Protein backbone atom coordinates (compact mmCIF):
# COMPACT_ATOMS: atom_id res chain seq x y z
CA MET A 1 -8.11 9.60 24.34
CA VAL A 2 -6.33 11.16 21.35
CA ASN A 3 -7.36 14.70 20.44
CA ILE A 4 -8.65 14.76 16.87
CA LYS A 5 -6.46 16.91 14.67
CA GLN A 6 -5.07 16.65 11.17
CA GLN A 7 -3.23 13.40 10.69
CA THR A 8 -1.08 12.27 7.79
CA ILE A 9 -1.44 8.63 6.79
CA GLY A 10 0.24 6.66 4.03
CA ALA A 11 -1.42 4.44 1.45
CA SER A 12 0.83 1.62 2.67
CA TRP A 13 -0.92 1.82 6.06
CA PHE A 14 -3.97 0.11 4.53
CA GLN A 15 -1.95 -3.07 4.08
CA SER A 16 -0.65 -3.17 7.64
CA PHE A 17 -4.07 -2.19 9.04
CA HIS A 18 -5.89 -4.98 7.23
CA TYR A 19 -3.17 -7.48 8.19
CA CYS A 20 -3.85 -6.95 11.90
CA GLU A 21 -5.64 -3.95 13.36
CA TYR A 22 -4.11 -4.47 16.79
CA LYS A 23 -0.54 -4.60 15.47
CA PHE A 24 -1.33 -1.39 13.58
CA TYR A 25 -2.66 0.14 16.81
CA LEU A 26 0.44 -0.84 18.79
CA HIS A 27 2.71 0.69 16.14
CA LYS A 28 0.86 3.78 14.93
CA VAL A 29 -1.08 4.78 18.07
CA LEU A 30 0.93 3.48 21.05
CA GLY A 31 4.27 4.04 19.31
CA HIS A 32 5.79 0.56 19.56
CA LYS A 33 8.89 0.43 17.41
CA VAL A 34 9.01 -1.83 14.37
CA GLU A 35 12.43 -3.27 13.58
CA ILE A 36 13.85 -2.46 10.17
CA THR A 37 14.54 -5.98 8.96
CA LYS A 38 17.12 -7.14 6.44
CA GLN A 39 14.25 -7.88 4.04
CA ILE A 40 13.01 -4.29 4.28
CA GLN A 41 16.53 -2.94 3.75
CA GLU A 42 17.02 -5.14 0.70
CA GLY A 43 13.65 -4.05 -0.69
CA THR A 44 14.56 -0.39 -0.28
CA GLN A 45 17.86 -0.97 -2.05
CA ILE A 46 16.20 -2.79 -4.97
CA HIS A 47 13.66 0.03 -5.39
CA ALA A 48 16.49 2.57 -5.43
CA GLN A 49 18.44 0.61 -8.03
CA LYS A 50 15.41 0.32 -10.31
CA GLU A 51 14.68 4.03 -9.97
CA GLU A 52 18.31 4.90 -10.75
CA GLN A 53 18.23 2.76 -13.91
CA PHE A 54 14.91 4.31 -14.96
CA GLN A 55 16.27 7.84 -14.56
CA LYS A 56 19.19 7.02 -16.85
CA GLU A 57 16.81 6.08 -19.67
CA ALA A 58 13.87 8.41 -18.99
CA VAL A 59 12.96 11.36 -21.22
CA PRO A 60 11.30 14.39 -19.55
CA THR A 61 7.70 15.09 -20.55
CA THR A 62 4.62 16.81 -19.13
CA TRP A 63 1.75 15.07 -17.35
CA GLN A 64 -0.57 16.14 -20.16
CA GLU A 65 1.64 14.50 -22.79
CA PHE A 66 2.13 11.40 -20.63
CA LEU A 67 -1.58 10.79 -20.00
CA ALA A 68 -2.44 11.37 -23.66
CA SER A 69 0.13 8.86 -24.91
CA GLU A 70 -1.19 6.09 -27.16
CA GLU A 71 2.02 4.05 -27.01
CA LYS A 72 3.00 2.33 -23.78
CA THR A 73 4.85 4.86 -21.64
CA ILE A 74 5.86 4.58 -18.00
CA THR A 75 6.89 6.77 -15.13
CA LYS A 76 8.13 5.66 -11.70
CA GLU A 77 8.13 6.66 -8.03
CA VAL A 78 5.44 9.34 -8.19
CA ASP A 79 4.15 11.05 -5.02
CA PHE A 80 0.49 12.01 -4.56
CA ASN A 81 -1.58 13.45 -1.73
CA LYS A 82 -5.22 14.26 -1.01
CA GLN A 83 -6.88 15.98 1.94
CA ILE A 84 -9.89 13.97 3.18
CA GLY A 85 -11.44 15.87 6.07
CA ASP A 86 -8.87 15.84 8.88
CA ILE A 87 -6.73 13.21 7.14
CA LEU A 88 -3.99 13.93 4.61
CA LEU A 89 -3.61 10.77 2.54
CA ILE A 90 -0.22 10.37 0.87
CA GLY A 91 1.27 7.70 -1.34
CA ARG A 92 4.19 6.94 -3.62
CA ILE A 93 3.24 4.80 -6.61
CA ASP A 94 5.98 2.45 -7.83
CA GLU A 95 5.04 2.75 -11.50
CA ILE A 96 2.34 4.23 -13.71
CA ALA A 97 1.99 2.82 -17.23
CA VAL A 98 -0.22 4.39 -19.89
CA ASP A 99 -1.26 3.34 -23.38
CA LYS A 100 -4.11 4.13 -25.78
CA GLU A 101 -6.85 2.55 -23.66
CA LYS A 102 -5.79 2.38 -20.02
CA ILE A 103 -3.62 3.55 -17.16
CA GLN A 104 -2.04 0.96 -14.89
CA ILE A 105 -1.30 1.84 -11.28
CA ILE A 106 1.44 -0.67 -10.47
CA ASP A 107 2.73 -1.79 -7.10
CA ASP A 108 5.81 -4.03 -6.97
CA LYS A 109 6.09 -6.53 -4.13
CA PRO A 110 8.39 -9.48 -3.47
CA ARG A 111 6.61 -12.85 -3.74
CA ALA A 112 3.56 -10.85 -4.79
CA PHE A 113 0.13 -12.29 -3.96
CA PRO A 114 -3.23 -10.48 -4.17
CA TYR A 115 -4.14 -10.47 -0.50
CA GLU A 116 -7.06 -8.21 0.41
CA ALA A 117 -4.63 -6.01 2.33
CA THR A 118 -2.49 -5.58 -0.79
CA LYS A 119 -5.54 -4.77 -2.91
CA LEU A 120 -6.59 -2.06 -0.45
CA GLN A 121 -3.19 -0.40 -0.71
CA LEU A 122 -3.53 -0.38 -4.49
CA TYR A 123 -7.06 1.05 -4.25
CA ALA A 124 -5.65 3.87 -2.13
CA TYR A 125 -3.11 4.60 -4.89
CA CYS A 126 -5.85 4.53 -7.53
CA TYR A 127 -7.97 6.91 -5.49
CA LEU A 128 -5.07 9.35 -5.15
CA PHE A 129 -4.39 9.18 -8.90
CA ASN A 130 -8.04 9.70 -9.83
CA GLU A 131 -8.37 12.66 -7.51
CA THR A 132 -5.31 14.26 -9.09
CA PHE A 133 -6.14 13.61 -12.74
CA LYS A 134 -9.68 13.61 -14.12
CA GLN A 135 -9.30 11.80 -17.43
CA PRO A 136 -11.29 9.31 -19.55
CA LYS A 137 -8.94 6.32 -19.72
CA LYS A 138 -9.81 3.42 -17.41
CA VAL A 139 -7.57 2.95 -14.40
CA ILE A 140 -6.32 -0.55 -13.59
CA ALA A 141 -4.98 -1.56 -10.16
CA THR A 142 -2.01 -3.81 -10.93
CA LEU A 143 0.11 -6.00 -8.66
CA ARG A 144 3.47 -7.09 -10.05
CA ASP A 145 6.12 -9.40 -8.68
CA ARG A 146 9.15 -7.25 -7.95
CA ASP A 147 11.71 -9.94 -8.80
CA THR A 148 10.15 -11.57 -11.90
CA ASN A 149 8.31 -8.51 -13.29
CA ASN A 150 5.28 -10.76 -13.83
CA ILE A 151 1.84 -9.24 -13.29
CA VAL A 152 0.03 -11.45 -10.76
CA TRP A 153 -3.26 -9.54 -10.39
CA GLU A 154 -5.20 -6.78 -12.12
CA GLN A 155 -8.52 -5.10 -11.35
CA PRO A 156 -10.26 -2.15 -13.04
CA TYR A 157 -10.77 0.55 -10.44
CA SER A 158 -14.45 1.50 -10.27
CA LYS A 159 -17.00 2.77 -7.74
CA ALA A 160 -17.06 -0.66 -6.08
CA GLU A 161 -13.31 -0.59 -5.40
CA GLU A 162 -13.55 3.04 -4.24
CA GLN A 163 -16.24 2.00 -1.75
CA GLN A 164 -13.96 -0.74 -0.39
CA PHE A 165 -11.23 1.86 0.02
CA PHE A 166 -13.49 4.28 1.91
CA THR A 167 -14.94 1.57 4.17
CA THR A 168 -11.43 0.70 5.33
CA PHE A 169 -10.37 4.36 5.38
CA TYR A 170 -13.04 5.34 7.90
CA ARG A 171 -12.42 2.24 10.00
CA LEU A 172 -8.67 2.99 10.05
CA ARG A 173 -9.37 6.59 11.02
CA SER A 174 -11.59 5.51 13.92
CA VAL A 175 -8.90 3.18 15.28
CA LEU A 176 -6.20 5.80 14.77
CA PHE A 177 -8.16 8.38 16.77
CA GLU A 178 -9.16 5.71 19.36
CA GLN A 179 -12.85 6.07 18.62
CA GLU A 180 -13.16 2.30 18.05
CA GLU A 181 -11.26 -0.65 19.48
CA PRO A 182 -8.84 -2.41 17.11
CA THR A 183 -9.62 -6.03 16.28
CA PRO A 184 -6.68 -8.43 16.70
CA THR A 185 -6.06 -11.17 14.17
CA ASP A 186 -6.96 -14.73 15.08
CA ASN A 187 -4.54 -16.15 12.51
CA PRO A 188 -1.61 -17.91 14.24
CA LYS A 189 0.55 -17.59 11.10
CA LYS A 190 0.29 -13.80 11.28
CA CYS A 191 1.08 -13.84 14.99
CA ASN A 192 4.08 -16.15 14.50
CA ALA A 193 5.52 -13.65 12.01
CA CYS A 194 4.78 -10.58 14.16
CA GLN A 195 7.55 -8.64 15.87
CA PHE A 196 5.20 -7.98 18.81
CA LYS A 197 4.24 -11.62 19.45
CA GLU A 198 6.16 -11.84 22.74
CA THR A 199 4.39 -8.86 24.29
CA CYS A 200 1.00 -8.67 22.52
CA LYS A 201 -1.78 -9.73 24.89
CA PHE A 202 -3.84 -11.05 21.99
CA SER A 203 -1.11 -13.14 20.37
CA VAL A 204 -2.18 -16.65 19.32
CA SER A 205 1.28 -17.60 18.10
CA ASN A 206 3.00 -20.80 19.05
CA LYS A 207 6.06 -19.28 20.68
CA ASP A 208 7.82 -22.65 20.74
CA SER A 209 7.43 -23.24 17.02
CA ILE A 210 10.33 -23.06 14.57
CA PRO A 211 10.16 -22.58 10.77
CA THR A 212 10.63 -25.76 8.73
CA ILE A 213 10.57 -26.81 5.08
CA LYS A 214 9.14 -30.15 3.96
């Protein structure tokens, strides 16, 4: 049993937790190593290149001026944190865009699709932003394709989305502190793609399958 003490978790954990609670448990609680894939390395490099280009064109301003802007203005790679009981929630938002009416909390992902897991990560970012800045403009959770720059999903962040965030937050916390058992996925596609499929006792992958294109 894990002794309960302050724990730091990242907003990105909500995506991996919703994807498969047992994979999350193996990685974050039992310490199984996750391989840094070529795809992850390429993603990190692309993020760095975009941030470098942004910094070349960016003009310094204050948060007060930024949030009050009535013309579309953006900032990138912003870190936030919030203490929630014994959990310190942290997150780095890819981009925040503001105009006269709204503030977009933008997450860039390759081949972006609004899975529930992805939405939860965005709700965590919105929660962090709202807790940092109390302001009247509506906040929009926004998923954007990293490679095409097309917005593929948007959702105003309201009490309903905050409730979804907290429901998952407390479930994640219980699994992290081993107060509840993690639930493994029953989706073979997730298991086939999992780095732990050869050793996971709950795996429903077809270990003899190979990827094909029709």
